[in-house]
């Protein structure tokens, strides 16, 4: 097995699959957790089939991961959940969205923290559209992903500098979630879609980062994160809505 091992959820397709393949290419060992098998046949890839919406299955991961030196955790798995006005959607489905998007990620993080602390590792959470800004008819997705952002910056306060914690906005990628968004009548322009290399590069940057000022930040893949100044990395510049070049000029940093 490789010297460094990263655990990635939702590796059967989409961003998770691309992240797994990229980290393998970079010399990491990868443990993939997904409900369905991933099309990866690599020596340093290990697969665990598990449904992160089922807390009993998540708790069962503790024994399966025991003794493995984990250096990174990327909580990527997520679903839209029910789409429509809150007054008409199924609340059981609404609550189920939180199990996958928030509670499963929190439970898996809890399991991995001791190993991550021992190995001075990192945790990366993925947010999504509707978390930084309101998005009508996506209350389950937006609220659960907004919770992920607060979970990330709170964990950063708890774990930094032993474990660095981040949340990233991957942008619209060509995934099943994008297909669902368009099927539900939303317009997503081709110009706004980003390639999978964007979240790959950001996750690798954070995996290698040791500047503790990044820990707790909510970073978009299109941000100039590699060139942020001291002012941009300051607490005064950062809010839940992330450092946004469209609004940064309005912030008084003096």
C-alpha atoms as a PDB file:
ATOM      1  CA  UNK A   1       0.000   0.000   0.000  1.00  0.00           C
ATOM      2  CA  UNK A   2       1.143   3.584  -0.624  1.00  0.00           C
ATOM      3  CA  UNK A   3       2.727   5.679   2.143  1.00  0.00           C
ATOM      4  CA  UNK A   4      -0.315   7.972   2.308  1.00  0.00           C
ATOM      5  CA  UNK A   5      -3.924   6.807   2.241  1.00  0.00           C
ATOM      6  CA  UNK A   6      -6.934   9.001   1.512  1.00  0.00           C
ATOM      7  CA  UNK A   7     -10.518   7.897   2.132  1.00  0.00           C
ATOM      8  CA  UNK A   8     -13.020   9.203  -0.439  1.00  0.00           C
ATOM      9  CA  UNK A   9     -16.790   8.725  -0.384  1.00  0.00           C
ATOM     10  CA  UNK A  10     -19.011   8.449  -3.445  1.00  0.00           C
ATOM     11  CA  UNK A  11     -16.323   6.966  -5.677  1.00  0.00           C
ATOM     12  CA  UNK A  12     -18.591   4.988  -8.001  1.00  0.00           C
ATOM     13  CA  UNK A  13     -19.029   7.927 -10.387  1.00  0.00           C
ATOM     14  CA  UNK A  14     -18.747  11.679 -10.885  1.00  0.00           C
ATOM     15  CA  UNK A  15     -16.412  13.822  -8.804  1.00  0.00           C
ATOM     16  CA  UNK A  16     -15.638  11.020  -6.367  1.00  0.00           C
ATOM     17  CA  UNK A  17     -14.506   8.686  -9.139  1.00  0.00           C
ATOM     18  CA  UNK A  18     -12.292  11.357 -10.690  1.00  0.00           C
ATOM     19  CA  UNK A  19     -10.802  12.279  -7.315  1.00  0.00           C
ATOM     20  CA  UNK A  20     -10.002   8.643  -6.591  1.00  0.00           C
ATOM     21  CA  UNK A  21      -8.249   8.185  -9.920  1.00  0.00           C
ATOM     22  CA  UNK A  22      -6.328  11.457  -9.573  1.00  0.00           C
ATOM     23  CA  UNK A  23      -5.077  10.693  -6.059  1.00  0.00           C
ATOM     24  CA  UNK A  24      -4.032   7.218  -7.217  1.00  0.00           C
ATOM     25  CA  UNK A  25      -2.107   8.838 -10.073  1.00  0.00           C
ATOM     26  CA  UNK A  26      -0.393  11.076  -7.513  1.00  0.00           C
ATOM     27  CA  UNK A  27       0.864   8.083  -5.555  1.00  0.00           C
ATOM     28  CA  UNK A  28      -1.745   7.912  -2.794  1.00  0.00           C
ATOM     29  CA  UNK A  29      -3.488   4.810  -1.652  1.00  0.00           C
ATOM     30  CA  UNK A  30      -7.257   5.291  -1.915  1.00  0.00           C
ATOM     31  CA  UNK A  31     -10.083   3.696   0.036  1.00  0.00           C
ATOM     32  CA  UNK A  32     -13.367   4.291  -1.750  1.00  0.00           C
ATOM     33  CA  UNK A  33     -16.710   4.110   0.033  1.00  0.00           C
ATOM     34  CA  UNK A  34     -19.815   3.988  -2.127  1.00  0.00           C
ATOM     35  CA  UNK A  35     -23.151   2.233  -2.461  1.00  0.00           C
ATOM     36  CA  UNK A  36     -22.093   0.796  -5.811  1.00  0.00           C
ATOM     37  CA  UNK A  37     -18.787  -0.585  -7.111  1.00  0.00           C
ATOM     38  CA  UNK A  38     -16.392   1.852  -8.772  1.00  0.00           C
ATOM     39  CA  UNK A  39     -14.858   1.028 -12.181  1.00  0.00           C
ATOM     40  CA  UNK A  40     -11.347   1.143 -10.690  1.00  0.00           C
ATOM     41  CA  UNK A  41      -8.920  -1.759 -10.841  1.00  0.00           C
ATOM     42  CA  UNK A  42      -5.711  -0.453  -9.276  1.00  0.00           C
ATOM     43  CA  UNK A  43      -3.320  -2.074  -6.820  1.00  0.00           C
ATOM     44  CA  UNK A  44      -3.551   0.795  -4.314  1.00  0.00           C
ATOM     45  CA  UNK A  45      -7.362   1.038  -4.434  1.00  0.00           C
ATOM     46  CA  UNK A  46      -9.537  -0.654  -1.832  1.00  0.00           C
ATOM     47  CA  UNK A  47     -13.326  -0.544  -2.029  1.00  0.00           C
ATOM     48  CA  UNK A  48     -15.886  -0.669   0.754  1.00  0.00           C
ATOM     49  CA  UNK A  49     -19.550  -0.945  -0.234  1.00  0.00           C
ATOM     50  CA  UNK A  50     -21.620   0.996   2.289  1.00  0.00           C
ATOM     51  CA  UNK A  51     -24.699   3.222   2.327  1.00  0.00           C
ATOM     52  CA  UNK A  52     -23.827   6.425   4.182  1.00  0.00           C
ATOM     53  CA  UNK A  53     -27.514   7.188   4.700  1.00  0.00           C
ATOM     54  CA  UNK A  54     -27.719   4.167   7.021  1.00  0.00           C
ATOM     55  CA  UNK A  55     -26.130   5.076  10.362  1.00  0.00           C
ATOM     56  CA  UNK A  56     -25.793   1.397  11.329  1.00  0.00           C
ATOM     57  CA  UNK A  57     -23.700   0.799   8.215  1.00  0.00           C
ATOM     58  CA  UNK A  58     -21.631   3.912   8.925  1.00  0.00           C
ATOM     59  CA  UNK A  59     -20.954   2.771  12.469  1.00  0.00           C
ATOM     60  CA  UNK A  60     -19.868  -0.573  11.041  1.00  0.00           C
ATOM     61  CA  UNK A  61     -17.096   1.188   9.135  1.00  0.00           C
ATOM     62  CA  UNK A  62     -15.213   1.728  12.392  1.00  0.00           C
ATOM     63  CA  UNK A  63     -14.117  -1.910  12.542  1.00  0.00           C
ATOM     64  CA  UNK A  64     -13.341  -2.037   8.815  1.00  0.00           C
ATOM     65  CA  UNK A  65     -11.072   1.020   9.058  1.00  0.00           C
ATOM     66  CA  UNK A  66      -9.430   0.087  12.354  1.00  0.00           C
ATOM     67  CA  UNK A  67      -5.650   0.085  12.170  1.00  0.00           C
ATOM     68  CA  UNK A  68      -5.460   1.790   8.772  1.00  0.00           C
ATOM     69  CA  UNK A  69      -3.259   4.938   8.864  1.00  0.00           C
ATOM     70  CA  UNK A  70      -5.564   7.445   7.170  1.00  0.00           C
ATOM     71  CA  UNK A  71      -3.939  10.703   6.080  1.00  0.00           C
ATOM     72  CA  UNK A  72      -6.932  12.285   4.357  1.00  0.00           C
ATOM     73  CA  UNK A  73     -10.733  12.114   4.266  1.00  0.00           C
ATOM     74  CA  UNK A  74     -12.769  13.589   1.421  1.00  0.00           C
ATOM     75  CA  UNK A  75     -16.499  13.618   2.186  1.00  0.00           C
ATOM     76  CA  UNK A  76     -17.805  13.810  -1.367  1.00  0.00           C
ATOM     77  CA  UNK A  77     -20.994  11.691  -1.398  1.00  0.00           C
ATOM     78  CA  UNK A  78     -24.198  13.685  -1.715  1.00  0.00           C
ATOM     79  CA  UNK A  79     -27.677  13.833  -3.234  1.00  0.00           C
ATOM     80  CA  UNK A  80     -30.161  16.553  -4.133  1.00  0.00           C
ATOM     81  CA  UNK A  81     -33.007  14.932  -2.246  1.00  0.00           C
ATOM     82  CA  UNK A  82     -36.570  16.054  -2.971  1.00  0.00           C
ATOM     83  CA  UNK A  83     -36.850  19.038  -5.293  1.00  0.00           C
ATOM     84  CA  UNK A  84     -39.824  21.377  -5.020  1.00  0.00           C
ATOM     85  CA  UNK A  85     -41.484  23.848  -2.654  1.00  0.00           C
ATOM     86  CA  UNK A  86     -41.042  22.924   0.995  1.00  0.00           C
ATOM     87  CA  UNK A  87     -44.814  23.020   1.517  1.00  0.00           C
ATOM     88  CA  UNK A  88     -45.373  20.096  -0.881  1.00  0.00           C
ATOM     89  CA  UNK A  89     -42.331  17.802  -0.676  1.00  0.00           C
ATOM     90  CA  UNK A  90     -42.072  14.575   1.323  1.00  0.00           C
ATOM     91  CA  UNK A  91     -40.471  15.420   4.682  1.00  0.00           C
ATOM     92  CA  UNK A  92     -39.179  11.876   5.160  1.00  0.00           C
ATOM     93  CA  UNK A  93     -37.210  12.250   1.935  1.00  0.00           C
ATOM     94  CA  UNK A  94     -36.126  15.724   3.090  1.00  0.00           C
ATOM     95  CA  UNK A  95     -34.746  14.302   6.335  1.00  0.00           C
ATOM     96  CA  UNK A  96     -33.112  11.417   4.465  1.00  0.00           C
ATOM     97  CA  UNK A  97     -31.093  13.911   2.453  1.00  0.00           C
ATOM     98  CA  UNK A  98     -29.443  15.075   5.679  1.00  0.00           C
ATOM     99  CA  UNK A  99     -28.464  11.483   6.501  1.00  0.00           C
ATOM    100  CA  UNK A 100     -26.302  11.295   3.378  1.00  0.00           C
ATOM    101  CA  UNK A 101     -25.168  14.890   2.967  1.00  0.00           C
ATOM    102  CA  UNK A 102     -24.502  15.807   6.598  1.00  0.00           C
ATOM    103  CA  UNK A 103     -24.949  13.123   9.246  1.00  0.00           C
ATOM    104  CA  UNK A 104     -23.089  10.387   7.361  1.00  0.00           C
ATOM    105  CA  UNK A 105     -20.185  12.757   6.690  1.00  0.00           C
ATOM    106  CA  UNK A 106     -20.082  13.808  10.345  1.00  0.00           C
ATOM    107  CA  UNK A 107     -20.161  10.202  11.569  1.00  0.00           C
ATOM    108  CA  UNK A 108     -17.406   9.110   9.186  1.00  0.00           C
ATOM    109  CA  UNK A 109     -15.289  12.099  10.218  1.00  0.00           C
ATOM    110  CA  UNK A 110     -15.684  11.100  13.867  1.00  0.00           C
ATOM    111  CA  UNK A 111     -14.434   7.597  13.061  1.00  0.00           C
ATOM    112  CA  UNK A 112     -11.403   8.898  11.141  1.00  0.00           C
ATOM    113  CA  UNK A 113     -10.293  11.774  13.413  1.00  0.00           C
ATOM    114  CA  UNK A 114      -7.983   9.721  15.698  1.00  0.00           C
ATOM    115  CA  UNK A 115      -6.028   8.374  12.708  1.00  0.00           C
ATOM    116  CA  UNK A 116      -6.044  11.753  10.965  1.00  0.00           C
ATOM    117  CA  UNK A 117      -4.713  13.422  14.102  1.00  0.00           C
ATOM    118  CA  UNK A 118      -1.949  10.850  14.486  1.00  0.00           C
ATOM    119  CA  UNK A 119      -0.931  11.357  10.837  1.00  0.00           C
ATOM    120  CA  UNK A 120      -1.395  15.172  10.753  1.00  0.00           C
ATOM    121  CA  UNK A 121      -3.916  14.730   8.003  1.00  0.00           C
ATOM    122  CA  UNK A 122      -6.805  16.649   6.452  1.00  0.00           C
ATOM    123  CA  UNK A 123     -10.563  16.554   5.985  1.00  0.00           C
ATOM    124  CA  UNK A 124     -12.247  18.014   2.911  1.00  0.00           C
ATOM    125  CA  UNK A 125     -16.021  18.421   2.738  1.00  0.00           C
ATOM    126  CA  UNK A 126     -17.832  19.180  -0.524  1.00  0.00           C
ATOM    127  CA  UNK A 127     -20.647  21.698  -0.455  1.00  0.00           C
ATOM    128  CA  UNK A 128     -22.811  22.537  -3.438  1.00  0.00           C
ATOM    129  CA  UNK A 129     -25.153  24.955  -5.149  1.00  0.00           C
ATOM    130  CA  UNK A 130     -27.617  26.440  -2.710  1.00  0.00           C
ATOM    131  CA  UNK A 131     -25.265  26.323   0.276  1.00  0.00           C
ATOM    132  CA  UNK A 132     -23.601  29.731  -0.117  1.00  0.00           C
ATOM    133  CA  UNK A 133     -26.638  31.376  -1.720  1.00  0.00           C
ATOM    134  CA  UNK A 134     -30.374  30.562  -1.569  1.00  0.00           C
ATOM    135  CA  UNK A 135     -31.744  28.302  -4.290  1.00  0.00           C
ATOM    136  CA  UNK A 136     -35.502  27.932  -4.459  1.00  0.00           C
ATOM    137  CA  UNK A 137     -36.930  24.377  -4.382  1.00  0.00           C
ATOM    138  CA  UNK A 138     -33.663  22.841  -3.142  1.00  0.00           C
ATOM    139  CA  UNK A 139     -34.176  23.307   0.597  1.00  0.00           C
ATOM    140  CA  UNK A 140     -33.020  19.787   1.548  1.00  0.00           C
ATOM    141  CA  UNK A 141     -29.845  20.047  -0.490  1.00  0.00           C
ATOM    142  CA  UNK A 142     -29.096  23.657   0.390  1.00  0.00           C
ATOM    143  CA  UNK A 143     -29.746  23.360   4.119  1.00  0.00           C
ATOM    144  CA  UNK A 144     -27.809  20.103   4.502  1.00  0.00           C
ATOM    145  CA  UNK A 145     -24.868  21.409   2.494  1.00  0.00           C
ATOM    146  CA  UNK A 146     -24.929  24.694   4.398  1.00  0.00           C
ATOM    147  CA  UNK A 147     -24.663  22.558   7.534  1.00  0.00           C
ATOM    148  CA  UNK A 148     -21.561  20.939   6.020  1.00  0.00           C
ATOM    149  CA  UNK A 149     -19.893  24.357   5.759  1.00  0.00           C
ATOM    150  CA  UNK A 150     -20.525  25.129   9.425  1.00  0.00           C
ATOM    151  CA  UNK A 151     -19.425  21.611  10.385  1.00  0.00           C
ATOM    152  CA  UNK A 152     -16.152  22.158   8.513  1.00  0.00           C
ATOM    153  CA  UNK A 153     -15.257  25.488  10.097  1.00  0.00           C
ATOM    154  CA  UNK A 154     -16.274  24.268  13.554  1.00  0.00           C
ATOM    155  CA  UNK A 155     -14.151  21.120  13.183  1.00  0.00           C
ATOM    156  CA  UNK A 156     -11.292  23.342  12.037  1.00  0.00           C
ATOM    157  CA  UNK A 157     -11.503  25.188  15.366  1.00  0.00           C
ATOM    158  CA  UNK A 158     -11.480  21.854  17.205  1.00  0.00           C
ATOM    159  CA  UNK A 159      -8.717  20.090  15.260  1.00  0.00           C
ATOM    160  CA  UNK A 160      -6.280  22.655  13.818  1.00  0.00           C
ATOM    161  CA  UNK A 161      -3.257  22.405  13.732  1.00  0.00           C
ATOM    162  CA  UNK A 162      -3.284  18.606  14.172  1.00  0.00           C
ATOM    163  CA  UNK A 163      -5.834  18.113  11.379  1.00  0.00           C
ATOM    164  CA  UNK A 164      -6.599  20.768   8.770  1.00  0.00           C
ATOM    165  CA  UNK A 165     -10.248  20.961   7.699  1.00  0.00           C
ATOM    166  CA  UNK A 166     -11.708  22.531   4.568  1.00  0.00           C
ATOM    167  CA  UNK A 167     -14.947  22.876   2.640  1.00  0.00           C
ATOM    168  CA  UNK A 168     -14.930  23.323  -1.124  1.00  0.00           C
ATOM    169  CA  UNK A 169     -17.504  24.349  -3.702  1.00  0.00           C
ATOM    170  CA  UNK A 170     -16.773  22.140  -6.727  1.00  0.00           C
ATOM    171  CA  UNK A 171     -18.804  24.198  -9.184  1.00  0.00           C
ATOM    172  CA  UNK A 172     -21.216  22.651 -11.687  1.00  0.00           C
ATOM    173  CA  UNK A 173     -19.585  19.512 -13.098  1.00  0.00           C
ATOM    174  CA  UNK A 174     -20.927  17.044 -15.627  1.00  0.00           C
ATOM    175  CA  UNK A 175     -22.487  14.752 -13.048  1.00  0.00           C
ATOM    176  CA  UNK A 176     -25.839  13.138 -12.347  1.00  0.00           C
ATOM    177  CA  UNK A 177     -26.650  16.129 -10.115  1.00  0.00           C
ATOM    178  CA  UNK A 178     -26.197  18.471 -13.091  1.00  0.00           C
ATOM    179  CA  UNK A 179     -28.491  16.286 -15.197  1.00  0.00           C
ATOM    180  CA  UNK A 180     -31.105  16.418 -12.414  1.00  0.00           C
ATOM    181  CA  UNK A 181     -30.775  20.192 -12.147  1.00  0.00           C
ATOM    182  CA  UNK A 182     -31.412  20.649 -15.848  1.00  0.00           C
ATOM    183  CA  UNK A 183     -34.248  18.112 -15.811  1.00  0.00           C
ATOM    184  CA  UNK A 184     -35.925  20.195 -13.110  1.00  0.00           C
ATOM    185  CA  UNK A 185     -35.954  23.236 -15.362  1.00  0.00           C
ATOM    186  CA  UNK A 186     -32.881  25.151 -14.211  1.00  0.00           C
ATOM    187  CA  UNK A 187     -30.607  26.742 -16.784  1.00  0.00           C
ATOM    188  CA  UNK A 188     -26.923  25.902 -16.447  1.00  0.00           C
ATOM    189  CA  UNK A 189     -24.840  27.474 -19.197  1.00  0.00           C
ATOM    190  CA  UNK A 190     -22.007  25.580 -20.813  1.00  0.00           C
ATOM    191  CA  UNK A 191     -19.656  28.425 -19.850  1.00  0.00           C
ATOM    192  CA  UNK A 192     -20.356  27.906 -16.146  1.00  0.00           C
ATOM    193  CA  UNK A 193     -19.566  24.179 -16.178  1.00  0.00           C
ATOM    194  CA  UNK A 194     -16.103  23.300 -14.875  1.00  0.00           C
ATOM    195  CA  UNK A 195     -14.064  20.225 -15.667  1.00  0.00           C
ATOM    196  CA  UNK A 196     -13.290  17.576 -13.079  1.00  0.00           C
ATOM    197  CA  UNK A 197      -9.699  18.820 -13.053  1.00  0.00           C
ATOM    198  CA  UNK A 198     -10.834  21.869 -11.032  1.00  0.00           C
ATOM    199  CA  UNK A 199     -11.939  19.959  -7.902  1.00  0.00           C
ATOM    200  CA  UNK A 200      -9.017  17.558  -8.408  1.00  0.00           C
ATOM    201  CA  UNK A 201      -6.462  20.387  -8.349  1.00  0.00           C
ATOM    202  CA  UNK A 202      -8.053  22.109  -5.357  1.00  0.00           C
ATOM    203  CA  UNK A 203      -8.229  18.891  -3.332  1.00  0.00           C
ATOM    204  CA  UNK A 204      -4.579  18.123  -4.113  1.00  0.00           C
ATOM    205  CA  UNK A 205      -3.577  21.676  -3.153  1.00  0.00           C
ATOM    206  CA  UNK A 206      -5.328  21.267   0.191  1.00  0.00           C
ATOM    207  CA  UNK A 207      -3.935  17.769   0.705  1.00  0.00           C
ATOM    208  CA  UNK A 208      -0.432  19.245   0.478  1.00  0.00           C
ATOM    209  CA  UNK A 209      -1.169  22.498   2.308  1.00  0.00           C
ATOM    210  CA  UNK A 210       0.297  23.148   5.768  1.00  0.00           C
ATOM    211  CA  UNK A 211      -0.717  26.827   6.105  1.00  0.00           C
ATOM    212  CA  UNK A 212      -3.179  26.662   8.990  1.00  0.00           C
ATOM    213  CA  UNK A 213      -4.922  29.850   7.847  1.00  0.00           C
ATOM    214  CA  UNK A 214      -6.656  27.859   5.102  1.00  0.00           C
ATOM    215  CA  UNK A 215      -8.182  25.510   7.652  1.00  0.00           C
ATOM    216  CA  UNK A 216     -11.885  26.205   8.088  1.00  0.00           C
ATOM    217  CA  UNK A 217     -12.195  28.141   4.840  1.00  0.00           C
ATOM    218  CA  UNK A 218     -14.919  27.584   2.259  1.00  0.00           C
ATOM    219  CA  UNK A 219     -13.162  27.666  -1.112  1.00  0.00           C
ATOM    220  CA  UNK A 220     -14.590  27.657  -4.624  1.00  0.00           C
ATOM    221  CA  UNK A 221     -12.650  25.801  -7.310  1.00  0.00           C
ATOM    222  CA  UNK A 222     -12.498  28.978  -9.410  1.00  0.00           C
ATOM    223  CA  UNK A 223     -11.024  31.052  -6.572  1.00  0.00           C
ATOM    224  CA  UNK A 224      -7.412  32.168  -6.829  1.00  0.00           C
ATOM    225  CA  UNK A 225      -6.729  30.224  -3.640  1.00  0.00           C
ATOM    226  CA  UNK A 226      -3.059  29.609  -4.408  1.00  0.00           C
ATOM    227  CA  UNK A 227      -2.397  33.325  -4.549  1.00  0.00           C
ATOM    228  CA  UNK A 228      -4.469  34.617  -1.650  1.00  0.00           C
ATOM    229  CA  UNK A 229      -2.866  37.455   0.242  1.00  0.00           C
ATOM    230  CA  UNK A 230      -2.561  37.812   4.008  1.00  0.00           C
ATOM    231  CA  UNK A 231      -5.641  40.051   3.916  1.00  0.00           C
ATOM    232  CA  UNK A 232      -7.681  37.488   2.019  1.00  0.00           C
ATOM    233  CA  UNK A 233      -6.710  34.774   4.471  1.00  0.00           C
ATOM    234  CA  UNK A 234      -7.623  36.923   7.455  1.00  0.00           C
ATOM    235  CA  UNK A 235     -10.696  36.173   9.554  1.00  0.00           C
ATOM    236  CA  UNK A 236     -12.110  39.611   8.714  1.00  0.00           C
ATOM    237  CA  UNK A 237     -12.344  38.736   5.023  1.00  0.00           C
ATOM    238  CA  UNK A 238     -14.028  35.379   5.530  1.00  0.00           C
ATOM    239  CA  UNK A 239     -17.727  34.658   6.079  1.00  0.00           C
ATOM    240  CA  UNK A 240     -19.983  31.665   5.521  1.00  0.00           C
ATOM    241  CA  UNK A 241     -20.537  32.963   2.003  1.00  0.00           C
ATOM    242  CA  UNK A 242     -16.800  32.391   1.292  1.00  0.00           C
ATOM    243  CA  UNK A 243     -14.200  34.750  -0.162  1.00  0.00           C
ATOM    244  CA  UNK A 244     -15.878  35.889  -3.350  1.00  0.00           C
ATOM    245  CA  UNK A 245     -14.026  38.142  -5.828  1.00  0.00           C
ATOM    246  CA  UNK A 246     -17.348  39.771  -6.731  1.00  0.00           C
ATOM    247  CA  UNK A 247     -17.824  41.061  -3.176  1.00  0.00           C
ATOM    248  CA  UNK A 248     -14.320  41.200  -1.730  1.00  0.00           C
ATOM    249  CA  UNK A 249     -13.885  44.805  -2.879  1.00  0.00           C
ATOM    250  CA  UNK A 250     -16.768  45.813  -0.615  1.00  0.00           C
ATOM    251  CA  UNK A 251     -15.008  44.475   2.489  1.00  0.00           C
ATOM    252  CA  UNK A 252     -13.228  47.031   4.645  1.00  0.00           C
ATOM    253  CA  UNK A 253     -10.080  45.253   5.795  1.00  0.00           C
ATOM    254  CA  UNK A 254      -8.609  48.302   7.536  1.00  0.00           C
END
